[in-house]
């Protein structure tokens, strides 16, 4: 009977941890996405300025 309660407690703790981690992971992925977008724009501007100087 004690083992059953302990298993339920562990399952509840895992579910709570996932619920707390969900928004944090989403926030981190959003930051990563915007970092990639800004990096791509900066790279395109750099490439365009080099290409325009060459012509």
N, C-alpha and C. Protein backbone atom coordinates (compact mmCIF):
# COMPACT_ATOMS: atom_id res chain seq x y z
N UNK A 1 0.83 -1.21 0.00
CA UNK A 1 0.00 0.00 0.00
C UNK A 1 0.87 1.26 0.00
N UNK A 2 1.98 1.22 0.74
CA UNK A 2 2.89 2.37 0.79
C UNK A 2 3.54 2.59 -0.58
N UNK A 3 3.86 1.49 -1.26
CA UNK A 3 4.51 1.58 -2.57
C UNK A 3 3.58 2.27 -3.57
N UNK A 4 2.31 1.94 -3.51
CA UNK A 4 1.33 2.53 -4.42
C UNK A 4 1.25 4.05 -4.22
N UNK A 5 1.21 4.47 -2.97
CA UNK A 5 1.17 5.90 -2.67
C UNK A 5 2.41 6.61 -3.15
N UNK A 6 3.56 5.95 -2.98
CA UNK A 6 4.83 6.55 -3.42
C UNK A 6 4.87 6.69 -4.93
N UNK A 7 4.37 5.67 -5.64
CA UNK A 7 4.34 5.73 -7.11
C UNK A 7 3.44 6.87 -7.57
N UNK A 8 2.26 7.00 -6.93
CA UNK A 8 1.35 8.10 -7.29
C UNK A 8 1.99 9.45 -7.01
N UNK A 9 2.73 9.54 -5.91
CA UNK A 9 3.40 10.80 -5.56
C UNK A 9 4.46 11.15 -6.61
N UNK A 10 5.22 10.14 -7.05
CA UNK A 10 6.25 10.36 -8.07
C UNK A 10 5.60 10.79 -9.39
N UNK A 11 4.49 10.13 -9.77
CA UNK A 11 3.78 10.48 -11.00
C UNK A 11 3.26 11.91 -10.92
N UNK A 12 2.69 12.28 -9.76
CA UNK A 12 2.17 13.64 -9.58
C UNK A 12 3.31 14.65 -9.67
N UNK A 13 4.47 14.33 -9.09
CA UNK A 13 5.62 15.23 -9.13
C UNK A 13 6.12 15.41 -10.57
N UNK A 14 6.15 14.33 -11.34
CA UNK A 14 6.59 14.39 -12.74
C UNK A 14 5.63 15.25 -13.56
N UNK A 15 4.33 15.05 -13.36
CA UNK A 15 3.33 15.84 -14.10
C UNK A 15 3.45 17.31 -13.74
N UNK A 16 3.63 17.62 -12.43
CA UNK A 16 3.78 19.01 -12.01
C UNK A 16 5.04 19.62 -12.62
N UNK A 17 6.13 18.86 -12.65
CA UNK A 17 7.38 19.36 -13.23
C UNK A 17 7.21 19.66 -14.72
N UNK A 18 6.51 18.77 -15.43
CA UNK A 18 6.28 18.99 -16.86
C UNK A 18 5.41 20.22 -17.10
N UNK A 19 4.39 20.41 -16.23
CA UNK A 19 3.52 21.58 -16.38
C UNK A 19 4.31 22.86 -16.13
N UNK A 20 5.25 22.84 -15.20
CA UNK A 20 6.08 24.02 -14.93
C UNK A 20 7.12 24.23 -16.02
N UNK A 21 7.65 23.14 -16.56
CA UNK A 21 8.70 23.25 -17.58
C UNK A 21 8.15 23.65 -18.95
N UNK A 22 6.90 23.33 -19.22
CA UNK A 22 6.30 23.62 -20.52
C UNK A 22 6.48 25.08 -20.96
N UNK A 23 6.00 26.04 -20.16
CA UNK A 23 6.16 27.45 -20.53
C UNK A 23 7.63 27.88 -20.64
N UNK A 24 8.49 27.33 -19.78
CA UNK A 24 9.91 27.69 -19.83
C UNK A 24 10.54 27.21 -21.13
N UNK A 25 10.21 25.99 -21.53
CA UNK A 25 10.73 25.44 -22.79
C UNK A 25 10.19 26.25 -23.98
N UNK A 26 8.91 26.61 -23.92
CA UNK A 26 8.33 27.42 -24.99
C UNK A 26 9.01 28.77 -25.09
N UNK A 27 9.30 29.37 -23.94
CA UNK A 27 9.98 30.67 -23.91
C UNK A 27 11.38 30.56 -24.50
N UNK A 28 12.10 29.49 -24.13
CA UNK A 28 13.45 29.28 -24.65
C UNK A 28 13.42 29.08 -26.17
N UNK A 29 12.45 28.31 -26.66
CA UNK A 29 12.34 28.09 -28.10
C UNK A 29 11.98 29.38 -28.83
N UNK A 30 11.15 30.22 -28.20
CA UNK A 30 10.80 31.51 -28.81
C UNK A 30 12.04 32.39 -28.92
N UNK A 31 12.83 32.42 -27.85
CA UNK A 31 14.07 33.21 -27.88
C UNK A 31 15.00 32.69 -28.97
N UNK A 32 15.12 31.37 -29.08
CA UNK A 32 15.99 30.77 -30.09
C UNK A 32 15.50 31.13 -31.49
N UNK A 33 14.17 31.05 -31.70
CA UNK A 33 13.59 31.38 -33.00
C UNK A 33 13.90 32.83 -33.38
N UNK A 34 13.67 33.76 -32.44
CA UNK A 34 13.93 35.16 -32.74
C UNK A 34 15.42 35.42 -32.96
N UNK A 35 16.27 34.70 -32.22
CA UNK A 35 17.72 34.82 -32.42
C UNK A 35 18.10 34.39 -33.83
N UNK A 36 17.50 33.29 -34.29
CA UNK A 36 17.79 32.82 -35.65
C UNK A 36 17.27 33.81 -36.71
N UNK A 37 16.08 34.37 -36.47
CA UNK A 37 15.51 35.34 -37.43
C UNK A 37 16.40 36.56 -37.51
N UNK A 38 16.81 37.11 -36.36
CA UNK A 38 17.66 38.30 -36.34
C UNK A 38 19.01 38.00 -36.98
N UNK A 39 19.55 36.81 -36.70
CA UNK A 39 20.82 36.40 -37.31
C UNK A 39 20.71 36.29 -38.82
N UNK A 40 19.60 35.73 -39.30
CA UNK A 40 19.40 35.59 -40.75
C UNK A 40 19.28 36.96 -41.41
N UNK A 41 18.56 37.88 -40.77
CA UNK A 41 18.41 39.22 -41.33
C UNK A 41 19.76 39.93 -41.36
N UNK A 42 20.54 39.81 -40.27
CA UNK A 42 21.86 40.45 -40.23
C UNK A 42 22.76 39.87 -41.32
N UNK A 43 22.70 38.55 -41.51
CA UNK A 43 23.51 37.90 -42.54
C UNK A 43 23.11 38.38 -43.93
N UNK A 44 21.80 38.51 -44.16
CA UNK A 44 21.31 38.97 -45.47
C UNK A 44 21.76 40.41 -45.73
N UNK A 45 21.68 41.26 -44.71
CA UNK A 45 22.11 42.65 -44.88
C UNK A 45 23.61 42.71 -45.19
N UNK A 46 24.39 41.91 -44.46
CA UNK A 46 25.84 41.87 -44.69
C UNK A 46 26.14 41.41 -46.13
N UNK A 47 25.46 40.33 -46.53
CA UNK A 47 25.67 39.78 -47.88
C UNK A 47 25.28 40.81 -48.94
N UNK A 48 24.15 41.48 -48.74
CA UNK A 48 23.68 42.46 -49.72
C UNK A 48 24.64 43.64 -49.81
N UNK A 49 25.14 44.11 -48.67
CA UNK A 49 26.05 45.26 -48.70
C UNK A 49 27.36 44.88 -49.40
N UNK A 50 27.86 43.67 -49.17
CA UNK A 50 29.08 43.23 -49.86
C UNK A 50 28.83 43.12 -51.35
N UNK A 51 27.65 42.59 -51.72
CA UNK A 51 27.33 42.39 -53.13
C UNK A 51 27.16 43.73 -53.84
N UNK A 52 26.56 44.69 -53.15
CA UNK A 52 26.35 46.01 -53.75
C UNK A 52 27.68 46.76 -53.90
N UNK A 53 28.59 46.56 -52.96
CA UNK A 53 29.90 47.22 -53.07
C UNK A 53 30.69 46.67 -54.25
N UNK A 54 30.50 45.38 -54.52
CA UNK A 54 31.28 44.73 -55.58
C UNK A 54 30.83 45.19 -56.95
N UNK A 55 29.56 45.47 -57.12
CA UNK A 55 29.07 45.83 -58.47
C UNK A 55 29.36 47.29 -58.78
